[in-house]
PDB file of N, CA and C in Angstrom:
ATOM      1  N   UNK A   1     119.754  78.218  84.702  1.00  0.00           N
ATOM      2  CA  UNK A   1     120.825  78.906  84.387  1.00  0.00           C
ATOM      3  C   UNK A   1     121.922  78.121  85.096  1.00  0.00           C
ATOM      4  N   UNK A   2     121.716  77.002  85.733  1.00  0.00           N
ATOM      5  CA  UNK A   2     122.771  76.024  86.279  1.00  0.00           C
ATOM      6  C   UNK A   2     122.847  76.517  87.864  1.00  0.00           C
ATOM      7  N   UNK A   3     122.024  76.973  88.624  1.00  0.00           N
ATOM      8  CA  UNK A   3     122.340  77.332  89.881  1.00  0.00           C
ATOM      9  C   UNK A   3     121.198  76.291  90.674  1.00  0.00           C
ATOM     10  N   UNK A   4     121.705  75.962  91.833  1.00  0.00           N
ATOM     11  CA  UNK A   4     121.040  74.878  92.572  1.00  0.00           C
ATOM     12  C   UNK A   4     119.808  75.732  93.123  1.00  0.00           C
ATOM     13  N   UNK A   5     118.482  75.171  93.080  1.00  0.00           N
ATOM     14  CA  UNK A   5     117.224  75.655  93.590  1.00  0.00           C
ATOM     15  C   UNK A   5     117.380  76.230  94.886  1.00  0.00           C
ATOM     16  N   UNK A   6     118.044  75.453  95.881  1.00  0.00           N
ATOM     17  CA  UNK A   6     118.286  75.809  97.115  1.00  0.00           C
ATOM     18  C   UNK A   6     119.071  76.930  97.444  1.00  0.00           C
ATOM     19  N   UNK A   7     120.092  77.275  96.558  1.00  0.00           N
ATOM     20  CA  UNK A   7     120.998  78.447  96.641  1.00  0.00           C
ATOM     21  C   UNK A   7     120.177  79.722  96.149  1.00  0.00           C
ATOM     22  N   UNK A   8     119.339  79.489  94.929  1.00  0.00           N
ATOM     23  CA  UNK A   8     118.619  80.449  94.390  1.00  0.00           C
ATOM     24  C   UNK A   8     117.431  81.075  95.436  1.00  0.00           C
ATOM     25  N   UNK A   9     117.039  80.037  96.067  1.00  0.00           N
ATOM     26  CA  UNK A   9     115.753  80.528  97.001  1.00  0.00           C
ATOM     27  C   UNK A   9     116.362  81.136  98.189  1.00  0.00           C
ATOM     28  N   UNK A  10     117.537  80.687  98.644  1.00  0.00           N
ATOM     29  CA  UNK A  10     118.239  81.516  99.774  1.00  0.00           C
ATOM     30  C   UNK A  10     118.751  82.779  99.453  1.00  0.00           C
ATOM     31  N   UNK A  11     119.143  82.886  98.300  1.00  0.00           N
ATOM     32  CA  UNK A  11     119.698  84.121  97.790  1.00  0.00           C
ATOM     33  C   UNK A  11     118.446  85.185  97.687  1.00  0.00           C
ATOM     34  N   UNK A  12     117.438  84.731  97.131  1.00  0.00           N
ATOM     35  CA  UNK A  12     116.175  85.757  96.889  1.00  0.00           C
ATOM     36  C   UNK A  12     115.561  86.025  98.341  1.00  0.00           C
ATOM     37  N   UNK A  13     115.511  85.089  99.243  1.00  0.00           N
ATOM     38  CA  UNK A  13     115.086  85.467 100.460  1.00  0.00           C
ATOM     39  C   UNK A  13     115.888  86.334 101.327  1.00  0.00           C
ATOM     40  N   UNK A  14     117.150  86.271 101.072  1.00  0.00           N
ATOM     41  CA  UNK A  14     118.020  87.388 101.817  1.00  0.00           C
ATOM     42  C   UNK A  14     117.870  88.633 101.304  1.00  0.00           C
ATOM     43  N   UNK A  15     117.824  88.647  99.881  1.00  0.00           N
ATOM     44  CA  UNK A  15     117.517  90.142  99.101  1.00  0.00           C
ATOM     45  C   UNK A  15     116.233  90.752  99.710  1.00  0.00           C
ATOM     46  N   UNK A  16     115.134  89.874  99.889  1.00  0.00           N
ATOM     47  CA  UNK A  16     113.709  89.994 100.020  1.00  0.00           C
ATOM     48  C   UNK A  16     113.916  90.808 101.476  1.00  0.00           C
ATOM     49  N   UNK A  17     114.641  90.274 102.470  1.00  0.00           N
ATOM     50  CA  UNK A  17     114.598  90.578 103.815  1.00  0.00           C
ATOM     51  C   UNK A  17     115.256  92.138 103.643  1.00  0.00           C
ATOM     52  N   UNK A  18     116.597  92.283 103.135  1.00  0.00           N
ATOM     53  CA  UNK A  18     117.106  93.629 103.007  1.00  0.00           C
ATOM     54  C   UNK A  18     116.217  94.739 102.349  1.00  0.00           C
ATOM     55  N   UNK A  19     115.479  94.440 101.387  1.00  0.00           N
ATOM     56  CA  UNK A  19     114.426  95.182 100.423  1.00  0.00           C
ATOM     57  C   UNK A  19     113.296  95.720 101.601  1.00  0.00           C
ATOM     58  N   UNK A  20     112.826  94.726 102.283  1.00  0.00           N
ATOM     59  CA  UNK A  20     111.566  94.874 103.310  1.00  0.00           C
ATOM     60  C   UNK A  20     112.045  95.595 103.995  1.00  0.00           C
ATOM     61  N   UNK A  21     113.304  95.385 104.785  1.00  0.00           N
ATOM     62  CA  UNK A  21     113.642  96.199 105.738  1.00  0.00           C
ATOM     63  C   UNK A  21     113.830  97.725 105.463  1.00  0.00           C
ATOM     64  N   UNK A  22     114.323  97.842 104.357  1.00  0.00           N
ATOM     65  CA  UNK A  22     114.458  99.231 103.976  1.00  0.00           C
ATOM     66  C   UNK A  22     113.433 100.071 103.540  1.00  0.00           C
ATOM     67  N   UNK A  23     112.286  99.316 102.878  1.00  0.00           N
ATOM     68  CA  UNK A  23     110.840  99.880 102.593  1.00  0.00           C
ATOM     69  C   UNK A  23     110.383 100.103 104.190  1.00  0.00           C
ATOM     70  N   UNK A  24     110.317  99.146 105.017  1.00  0.00           N
ATOM     71  CA  UNK A  24     109.736  99.359 106.153  1.00  0.00           C
ATOM     72  C   UNK A  24     110.383 100.711 106.906  1.00  0.00           C
ATOM     73  N   UNK A  25     111.649 100.785 106.929  1.00  0.00           N
ATOM     74  CA  UNK A  25     112.376 101.764 107.887  1.00  0.00           C
ATOM     75  C   UNK A  25     111.861 103.309 106.804  1.00  0.00           C
ATOM     76  N   UNK A  26     111.834 103.230 105.700  1.00  0.00           N
ATOM     77  CA  UNK A  26     111.429 104.373 104.868  1.00  0.00           C
ATOM     78  C   UNK A  26     109.965 104.737 105.266  1.00  0.00           C
ATOM     79  N   UNK A  27     109.164 104.097 105.309  1.00  0.00           N
ATOM     80  CA  UNK A  27     107.657 104.220 105.810  1.00  0.00           C
ATOM     81  C   UNK A  27     107.567 104.686 107.097  1.00  0.00           C
ATOM     82  N   UNK A  28     108.245 104.300 107.855  1.00  0.00           N
ATOM     83  CA  UNK A  28     108.428 104.785 109.321  1.00  0.00           C
ATOM     84  C   UNK A  28     109.097 106.086 109.452  1.00  0.00           C
ATOM     85  N   UNK A  29     110.094 106.275 108.829  1.00  0.00           N
ATOM     86  CA  UNK A  29     110.812 107.691 108.721  1.00  0.00           C
ATOM     87  C   UNK A  29     109.866 108.706 108.127  1.00  0.00           C
ATOM     88  N   UNK A  30     109.147 108.605 107.111  1.00  0.00           N
ATOM     89  CA  UNK A  30     108.167 109.387 106.618  1.00  0.00           C
ATOM     90  C   UNK A  30     106.736 109.396 107.312  1.00  0.00           C
ATOM     91  N   UNK A  31     106.723 108.868 108.266  1.00  0.00           N
ATOM     92  CA  UNK A  31     105.373 108.818 109.209  1.00  0.00           C
ATOM     93  C   UNK A  31     104.305 108.039 108.177  1.00  0.00           C
ATOM     94  N   UNK A  32     104.351 107.211 107.400  1.00  0.00           N
ATOM     95  CA  UNK A  32     103.363 106.483 106.455  1.00  0.00           C
ATOM     96  C   UNK A  32     102.975 104.976 106.918  1.00  0.00           C
ATOM     97  N   UNK A  33     103.669 104.722 108.102  1.00  0.00           N
ATOM     98  CA  UNK A  33     103.463 103.318 108.729  1.00  0.00           C
ATOM     99  C   UNK A  33     102.151 103.315 109.318  1.00  0.00           C
ATOM    100  N   UNK A  34     101.403 102.289 109.031  1.00  0.00           N
ATOM    101  CA  UNK A  34     100.098 102.328 109.753  1.00  0.00           C
ATOM    102  C   UNK A  34     100.353 101.137 110.707  1.00  0.00           C
ATOM    103  N   UNK A  35     100.457 101.351 112.105  1.00  0.00           N
ATOM    104  CA  UNK A  35     100.866 100.368 113.030  1.00  0.00           C
ATOM    105  C   UNK A  35      99.635  99.180 112.826  1.00  0.00           C
ATOM    106  N   UNK A  36      98.576  99.335 112.837  1.00  0.00           N
ATOM    107  CA  UNK A  36      97.793  98.108 112.722  1.00  0.00           C
ATOM    108  C   UNK A  36      98.226  97.254 111.531  1.00  0.00           C
ATOM    109  N   UNK A  37      98.372  97.641 110.461  1.00  0.00           N
ATOM    110  CA  UNK A  37      98.682  97.096 109.068  1.00  0.00           C
ATOM    111  C   UNK A  37      99.983  96.180 109.409  1.00  0.00           C
ATOM    112  N   UNK A  38     100.908  97.007 109.964  1.00  0.00           N
ATOM    113  CA  UNK A  38     102.373  96.526 110.295  1.00  0.00           C
ATOM    114  C   UNK A  38     102.331  95.472 111.199  1.00  0.00           C
ATOM    115  N   UNK A  39     101.645  95.504 112.108  1.00  0.00           N
ATOM    116  CA  UNK A  39     101.444  94.276 113.058  1.00  0.00           C
ATOM    117  C   UNK A  39     100.919  93.087 112.665  1.00  0.00           C
ATOM    118  N   UNK A  40      99.651  93.171 111.710  1.00  0.00           N
ATOM    119  CA  UNK A  40      99.139  92.251 111.191  1.00  0.00           C
ATOM    120  C   UNK A  40      99.999  91.484 110.040  1.00  0.00           C
ATOM    121  N   UNK A  41     100.949  92.535 109.439  1.00  0.00           N
ATOM    122  CA  UNK A  41     101.644  91.920 108.298  1.00  0.00           C
ATOM    123  C   UNK A  41     102.846  91.273 108.855  1.00  0.00           C
ATOM    124  N   UNK A  42     103.361  91.715 110.041  1.00  0.00           N
ATOM    125  CA  UNK A  42     104.373  91.232 110.647  1.00  0.00           C
ATOM    126  C   UNK A  42     103.983  89.779 111.230  1.00  0.00           C
ATOM    127  N   UNK A  43     102.852  89.347 111.650  1.00  0.00           N
ATOM    128  CA  UNK A  43     102.355  88.138 112.217  1.00  0.00           C
ATOM    129  C   UNK A  43     102.023  87.207 111.168  1.00  0.00           C
ATOM    130  N   UNK A  44     101.472  87.676 110.205  1.00  0.00           N
ATOM    131  CA  UNK A  44     101.036  86.824 109.012  1.00  0.00           C
ATOM    132  C   UNK A  44     102.117  86.556 108.129  1.00  0.00           C
ATOM    133  N   UNK A  45     103.423  87.324 108.015  1.00  0.00           N
ATOM    134  CA  UNK A  45     104.385  87.029 107.504  1.00  0.00           C
ATOM    135  C   UNK A  45     105.332  85.956 108.073  1.00  0.00           C
ATOM    136  N   UNK A  46     105.410  86.231 109.660  1.00  0.00           N
ATOM    137  CA  UNK A  46     106.088  85.031 110.361  1.00  0.00           C
ATOM    138  C   UNK A  46     105.288  83.764 110.287  1.00  0.00           C
ATOM    139  N   UNK A  47     104.081  83.653 110.315  1.00  0.00           N
ATOM    140  CA  UNK A  47     103.304  82.474 110.204  1.00  0.00           C
ATOM    141  C   UNK A  47     103.475  81.671 109.077  1.00  0.00           C
ATOM    142  N   UNK A  48     103.154  82.580 107.973  1.00  0.00           N
ATOM    143  CA  UNK A  48     103.436  81.819 106.479  1.00  0.00           C
ATOM    144  C   UNK A  48     104.566  81.419 106.006  1.00  0.00           C
ATOM    145  N   UNK A  49     105.677  82.140 106.823  1.00  0.00           N
ATOM    146  CA  UNK A  49     106.956  81.595 106.490  1.00  0.00           C
ATOM    147  C   UNK A  49     107.266  80.306 107.119  1.00  0.00           C
ATOM    148  N   UNK A  50     106.758  80.290 108.497  1.00  0.00           N
ATOM    149  CA  UNK A  50     106.959  79.112 109.241  1.00  0.00           C
ATOM    150  C   UNK A  50     106.397  77.856 108.783  1.00  0.00           C
ATOM    151  N   UNK A  51     105.198  78.211 108.491  1.00  0.00           N
ATOM    152  CA  UNK A  51     104.246  77.177 107.769  1.00  0.00           C
ATOM    153  C   UNK A  51     104.829  76.424 106.515  1.00  0.00           C
ATOM    154  N   UNK A  52     105.159  77.494 105.593  1.00  0.00           N
ATOM    155  CA  UNK A  52     105.617  77.180 104.274  1.00  0.00           C
ATOM    156  C   UNK A  52     107.372  76.450 104.364  1.00  0.00           C
ATOM    157  N   UNK A  53     107.858  76.816 105.249  1.00  0.00           N
ATOM    158  CA  UNK A  53     109.040  76.199 105.335  1.00  0.00           C
ATOM    159  C   UNK A  53     109.124  75.001 105.911  1.00  0.00           C
ATOM    160  N   UNK A  54     108.086  74.923 106.814  1.00  0.00           N
ATOM    161  CA  UNK A  54     107.875  73.275 107.431  1.00  0.00           C
ATOM    162  C   UNK A  54     107.472  72.314 106.242  1.00  0.00           C
ATOM    163  N   UNK A  55     106.468  72.844 105.603  1.00  0.00           N
ATOM    164  CA  UNK A  55     105.991  71.929 104.405  1.00  0.00           C
ATOM    165  C   UNK A  55     106.868  71.768 103.634  1.00  0.00           C
ATOM    166  N   UNK A  56     107.771  72.781 103.059  1.00  0.00           N
ATOM    167  CA  UNK A  56     108.818  72.501 102.129  1.00  0.00           C
ATOM    168  C   UNK A  56     109.829  71.717 102.535  1.00  0.00           C
ATOM    169  N   UNK A  57     110.456  71.819 103.947  1.00  0.00           N
ATOM    170  CA  UNK A  57     111.227  70.723 104.332  1.00  0.00           C
ATOM    171  C   UNK A  57     110.944  69.354 104.591  1.00  0.00           C
ATOM    172  N   UNK A  58     109.813  69.264 104.806  1.00  0.00           N
ATOM    173  CA  UNK A  58     109.130  67.729 104.781  1.00  0.00           C
ATOM    174  C   UNK A  58     109.100  67.129 103.379  1.00  0.00           C
ATOM    175  N   UNK A  59     108.737  68.010 102.465  1.00  0.00           N
ATOM    176  CA  UNK A  59     108.200  67.605 101.045  1.00  0.00           C
ATOM    177  C   UNK A  59     109.912  67.381 100.439  1.00  0.00           C
ATOM    178  N   UNK A  60     110.669  68.119 100.563  1.00  0.00           N
ATOM    179  CA  UNK A  60     111.994  67.791 100.104  1.00  0.00           C
ATOM    180  C   UNK A  60     112.572  66.633 100.764  1.00  0.00           C
ATOM    181  N   UNK A  61     112.417  66.316 101.953  1.00  0.00           N
ATOM    182  CA  UNK A  61     113.065  65.503 102.724  1.00  0.00           C
ATOM    183  C   UNK A  61     112.542  64.009 102.232  1.00  0.00           C
ATOM    184  N   UNK A  62     110.971  64.032 102.003  1.00  0.00           N
ATOM    185  CA  UNK A  62     110.457  62.937 101.671  1.00  0.00           C
ATOM    186  C   UNK A  62     110.616  62.578 100.147  1.00  0.00           C
ATOM    187  N   UNK A  63     110.746  63.611  99.259  1.00  0.00           N
ATOM    188  CA  UNK A  63     110.722  63.254  97.644  1.00  0.00           C
ATOM    189  C   UNK A  63     112.128  63.284  97.255  1.00  0.00           C
ATOM    190  N   UNK A  64     113.161  64.180  98.098  1.00  0.00           N
ATOM    191  CA  UNK A  64     114.619  64.290  97.542  1.00  0.00           C
ATOM    192  C   UNK A  64     114.638  64.897  96.155  1.00  0.00           C
ATOM    193  N   UNK A  65     113.426  65.924  95.882  1.00  0.00           N
ATOM    194  CA  UNK A  65     113.469  66.586  94.697  1.00  0.00           C
ATOM    195  C   UNK A  65     113.721  68.175  94.780  1.00  0.00           C
ATOM    196  N   UNK A  66     114.608  68.800  94.353  1.00  0.00           N
ATOM    197  CA  UNK A  66     114.730  70.207  94.412  1.00  0.00           C
ATOM    198  C   UNK A  66     113.698  71.056  93.450  1.00  0.00           C
ATOM    199  N   UNK A  67     113.072  70.300  92.736  1.00  0.00           N
ATOM    200  CA  UNK A  67     112.420  71.073  91.917  1.00  0.00           C
ATOM    201  C   UNK A  67     110.954  71.748  92.423  1.00  0.00           C
ATOM    202  N   UNK A  68     110.638  71.165  93.604  1.00  0.00           N
ATOM    203  CA  UNK A  68     109.793  71.701  94.288  1.00  0.00           C
ATOM    204  C   UNK A  68     109.907  73.357  94.660  1.00  0.00           C
ATOM    205  N   UNK A  69     111.423  73.648  94.965  1.00  0.00           N
ATOM    206  CA  UNK A  69     111.654  74.920  95.337  1.00  0.00           C
ATOM    207  C   UNK A  69     111.479  75.961  94.219  1.00  0.00           C
ATOM    208  N   UNK A  70     111.560  75.327  92.875  1.00  0.00           N
ATOM    209  CA  UNK A  70     111.640  76.222  91.776  1.00  0.00           C
ATOM    210  C   UNK A  70     110.075  76.373  91.426  1.00  0.00           C
ATOM    211  N   UNK A  71     109.339  75.480  91.499  1.00  0.00           N
ATOM    212  CA  UNK A  71     107.854  75.471  91.301  1.00  0.00           C
ATOM    213  C   UNK A  71     107.216  76.363  92.339  1.00  0.00           C
ATOM    214  N   UNK A  72     107.705  76.419  93.664  1.00  0.00           N
ATOM    215  CA  UNK A  72     107.044  77.331  94.618  1.00  0.00           C
ATOM    216  C   UNK A  72     107.242  78.572  94.238  1.00  0.00           C
ATOM    217  N   UNK A  73     108.564  79.010  93.874  1.00  0.00           N
ATOM    218  CA  UNK A  73     109.035  80.360  93.787  1.00  0.00           C
ATOM    219  C   UNK A  73     108.210  80.865  92.205  1.00  0.00           C
ATOM    220  N   UNK A  74     108.302  79.947  91.296  1.00  0.00           N
ATOM    221  CA  UNK A  74     107.597  80.243  90.062  1.00  0.00           C
ATOM    222  C   UNK A  74     105.863  80.328  90.400  1.00  0.00           C
ATOM    223  N   UNK A  75     105.416  79.733  91.399  1.00  0.00           N
ATOM    224  CA  UNK A  75     103.942  79.898  91.550  1.00  0.00           C
ATOM    225  C   UNK A  75     103.801  81.411  92.356  1.00  0.00           C
ATOM    226  N   UNK A  76     104.612  81.645  93.198  1.00  0.00           N
ATOM    227  CA  UNK A  76     104.405  82.906  94.002  1.00  0.00           C
ATOM    228  C   UNK A  76     104.666  84.162  93.156  1.00  0.00           C
ATOM    229  N   UNK A  77     105.373  83.872  92.076  1.00  0.00           N
ATOM    230  CA  UNK A  77     105.861  85.073  90.941  1.00  0.00           C
ATOM    231  C   UNK A  77     104.378  85.155  90.119  1.00  0.00           C
ATOM    232  N   UNK A  78     103.853  84.138  89.825  1.00  0.00           N
ATOM    233  CA  UNK A  78     102.771  84.125  89.067  1.00  0.00           C
ATOM    234  C   UNK A  78     101.553  84.706  89.723  1.00  0.00           C
ATOM    235  N   UNK A  79     101.576  84.252  90.841  1.00  0.00           N
ATOM    236  CA  UNK A  79     100.231  84.750  91.625  1.00  0.00           C
ATOM    237  C   UNK A  79     100.341  86.308  91.933  1.00  0.00           C
ATOM    238  N   UNK A  80     101.585  86.790  92.168  1.00  0.00           N
ATOM    239  CA  UNK A  80     101.708  88.184  92.136  1.00  0.00           C
ATOM    240  C   UNK A  80     101.513  88.994  90.954  1.00  0.00           C
ATOM    241  N   UNK A  81     101.971  88.427  89.740  1.00  0.00           N
ATOM    242  CA  UNK A  81     101.702  88.945  88.501  1.00  0.00           C
ATOM    243  C   UNK A  81     100.026  89.004  88.345  1.00  0.00           C
ATOM    244  N   UNK A  82      99.568  88.089  88.499  1.00  0.00           N
ATOM    245  CA  UNK A  82      97.965  88.013  88.309  1.00  0.00           C
ATOM    246  C   UNK A  82      97.345  89.015  89.477  1.00  0.00           C
ATOM    247  N   UNK A  83      97.739  89.013  90.444  1.00  0.00           N
ATOM    248  CA  UNK A  83      96.940  90.011  91.667  1.00  0.00           C
ATOM    249  C   UNK A  83      97.443  91.308  91.144  1.00  0.00           C
ATOM    250  N   UNK A  84      98.458  91.638  90.610  1.00  0.00           N
ATOM    251  CA  UNK A  84      98.778  93.086  90.152  1.00  0.00           C
ATOM    252  C   UNK A  84      98.206  93.482  88.904  1.00  0.00           C
ATOM    253  N   UNK A  85      98.011  92.317  88.012  1.00  0.00           N
ATOM    254  CA  UNK A  85      97.126  92.715  87.006  1.00  0.00           C
ATOM    255  C   UNK A  85      95.711  92.993  87.310  1.00  0.00           C
ATOM    256  N   UNK A  86      95.214  92.337  88.037  1.00  0.00           N
ATOM    257  CA  UNK A  86      93.778  92.424  88.588  1.00  0.00           C
ATOM    258  C   UNK A  86      93.558  93.875  89.183  1.00  0.00           C
ATOM    259  N   UNK A  87      94.579  94.150  90.172  1.00  0.00           N
ATOM    260  CA  UNK A  87      94.601  95.479  90.808  1.00  0.00           C
ATOM    261  C   UNK A  87      94.631  96.653  89.786  1.00  0.00           C
ATOM    262  N   UNK A  88      95.441  96.431  88.861  1.00  0.00           N
ATOM    263  CA  UNK A  88      95.530  97.579  87.738  1.00  0.00           C
ATOM    264  C   UNK A  88      94.298  97.581  86.896  1.00  0.00           C
ATOM    265  N   UNK A  89      93.569  96.508  86.623  1.00  0.00           N
ATOM    266  CA  UNK A  89      92.424  96.447  85.752  1.00  0.00           C
ATOM    267  C   UNK A  89      91.293  97.125  86.606  1.00  0.00           C
ATOM    268  N   UNK A  90      91.171  96.872  87.820  1.00  0.00           N
ATOM    269  CA  UNK A  90      90.280  97.182  88.845  1.00  0.00           C
ATOM    270  C   UNK A  90      90.318  98.908  88.982  1.00  0.00           C
ATOM    271  N   UNK A  91      91.613  99.304  89.019  1.00  0.00           N
ATOM    272  CA  UNK A  91      91.836 100.712  88.961  1.00  0.00           C
ATOM    273  C   UNK A  91      91.388 101.342  87.887  1.00  0.00           C
ATOM    274  N   UNK A  92      91.592 100.710  86.593  1.00  0.00           N
ATOM    275  CA  UNK A  92      91.187 101.366  85.481  1.00  0.00           C
ATOM    276  C   UNK A  92      89.763 101.589  85.348  1.00  0.00           C
ATOM    277  N   UNK A  93      89.154 100.600  85.809  1.00  0.00           N
ATOM    278  CA  UNK A  93      87.726 100.515  85.450  1.00  0.00           C
ATOM    279  C   UNK A  93      86.737 101.246  86.554  1.00  0.00           C
ATOM    280  N   UNK A  94      87.677 101.644  87.721  1.00  0.00           N
ATOM    281  CA  UNK A  94      86.789 102.188  88.687  1.00  0.00           C
ATOM    282  C   UNK A  94      86.353 103.770  88.240  1.00  0.00           C
ATOM    283  N   UNK A  95      85.249 104.211  88.880  1.00  0.00           N
ATOM    284  CA  UNK A  95      84.600 105.473  88.654  1.00  0.00           C
ATOM    285  C   UNK A  95      85.268 106.560  89.191  1.00  0.00           C
ATOM    286  N   UNK A  96      86.174 106.260  90.259  1.00  0.00           N
ATOM    287  CA  UNK A  96      86.953 107.404  90.606  1.00  0.00           C
ATOM    288  C   UNK A  96      87.847 108.068  89.822  1.00  0.00           C
ATOM    289  N   UNK A  97      88.076 109.330  89.749  1.00  0.00           N
ATOM    290  CA  UNK A  97      89.127 109.791  88.975  1.00  0.00           C
ATOM    291  C   UNK A  97      89.959 110.714  89.938  1.00  0.00           C
ATOM    292  N   UNK A  98      90.516 109.807  90.777  1.00  0.00           N
ATOM    293  CA  UNK A  98      91.589 110.266  91.754  1.00  0.00           C
ATOM    294  C   UNK A  98      92.985 110.049  91.286  1.00  0.00           C
ATOM    295  N   UNK A  99      93.660 110.959  90.860  1.00  0.00           N
ATOM    296  CA  UNK A  99      95.155 110.632  90.672  1.00  0.00           C
ATOM    297  C   UNK A  99      96.036 110.344  91.596  1.00  0.00           C
ATOM    298  N   UNK A 100      95.690 110.513  92.767  1.00  0.00           N
ATOM    299  CA  UNK A 100      96.525 110.476  93.867  1.00  0.00           C
ATOM    300  C   UNK A 100      96.769 108.976  94.234  1.00  0.00           C
ATOM    301  N   UNK A 101      97.827 108.666  95.402  1.00  0.00           N
ATOM    302  CA  UNK A 101      97.825 107.173  95.548  1.00  0.00           C
ATOM    303  C   UNK A 101      96.743 106.592  96.140  1.00  0.00           C
ATOM    304  N   UNK A 102      96.436 105.342  95.646  1.00  0.00           N
ATOM    305  CA  UNK A 102      95.144 104.642  96.097  1.00  0.00           C
ATOM    306  C   UNK A 102      95.681 103.442  96.828  1.00  0.00           C
ATOM    307  N   UNK A 103      94.736 102.589  97.182  1.00  0.00           N
ATOM    308  CA  UNK A 103      94.904 101.169  97.735  1.00  0.00           C
ATOM    309  C   UNK A 103      94.557 101.149  99.065  1.00  0.00           C
ATOM    310  N   UNK A 104      94.940  99.944  99.681  1.00  0.00           N
ATOM    311  CA  UNK A 104      94.615  99.636 101.133  1.00  0.00           C
ATOM    312  C   UNK A 104      94.757 100.517 102.210  1.00  0.00           C
ATOM    313  N   UNK A 105      95.985 101.398 101.878  1.00  0.00           N
ATOM    314  CA  UNK A 105      96.309 102.490 102.935  1.00  0.00           C
ATOM    315  C   UNK A 105      95.859 103.816 102.644  1.00  0.00           C
ATOM    316  N   UNK A 106      95.058 103.971 101.401  1.00  0.00           N
ATOM    317  CA  UNK A 106      94.722 105.307 101.139  1.00  0.00           C
ATOM    318  C   UNK A 106      93.879 105.979 102.277  1.00  0.00           C
ATOM    319  N   UNK A 107      92.644 105.477 102.841  1.00  0.00           N
ATOM    320  CA  UNK A 107      92.136 106.158 103.760  1.00  0.00           C
ATOM    321  C   UNK A 107      93.118 106.543 104.967  1.00  0.00           C
ATOM    322  N   UNK A 108      94.077 105.875 105.141  1.00  0.00           N
ATOM    323  CA  UNK A 108      94.994 106.329 106.493  1.00  0.00           C
ATOM    324  C   UNK A 108      95.796 107.685 105.845  1.00  0.00           C
ATOM    325  N   UNK A 109      96.236 107.573 104.847  1.00  0.00           N
ATOM    326  CA  UNK A 109      96.944 108.508 104.188  1.00  0.00           C
ATOM    327  C   UNK A 109      96.383 109.827 104.213  1.00  0.00           C
ATOM    328  N   UNK A 110      95.247 110.059 103.733  1.00  0.00           N
ATOM    329  CA  UNK A 110      94.374 110.943 103.507  1.00  0.00           C
ATOM    330  C   UNK A 110      93.481 111.534 104.656  1.00  0.00           C
ATOM    331  N   UNK A 111      93.261 110.721 105.550  1.00  0.00           N
ATOM    332  CA  UNK A 111      92.624 111.142 106.656  1.00  0.00           C
ATOM    333  C   UNK A 111      91.135 110.785 106.827  1.00  0.00           C
ATOM    334  N   UNK A 112      90.830 110.046 105.763  1.00  0.00           N
ATOM    335  CA  UNK A 112      89.507 109.491 105.556  1.00  0.00           C
ATOM    336  C   UNK A 112      89.423 108.097 106.230  1.00  0.00           C
ATOM    337  N   UNK A 113      88.352 108.055 107.080  1.00  0.00           N
ATOM    338  CA  UNK A 113      88.263 106.585 107.803  1.00  0.00           C
ATOM    339  C   UNK A 113      86.981 106.029 107.182  1.00  0.00           C
ATOM    340  N   UNK A 114      86.743 105.072 106.542  1.00  0.00           N
ATOM    341  CA  UNK A 114      85.726 104.426 106.004  1.00  0.00           C
ATOM    342  C   UNK A 114      85.306 103.458 106.820  1.00  0.00           C
TER     343      UNK A 114
END
């Protein structure tokens, strides 16, 4: 589309910041935030961002190629799509006939601790 990969990456990161902040605020306001998961997610997010940014900066400085930015974004999108498809398939083949929200936070939302 003619947009420099660094500009596209920075723009998407900025939008992700705002949407993540909005989602976090919404979960907090409605009392759906699980503090343990939020703390782990926060630490993992900062560590992964720091490591990824460090590796990408060194790679770009060494190779002088911006295509690595586009490839990394494409890889993350592909990985997300595969994991969402896997989650959907596992949900469809599960023996549970529960139409309610399910997933990683299900036990906390319903008061069941496994």
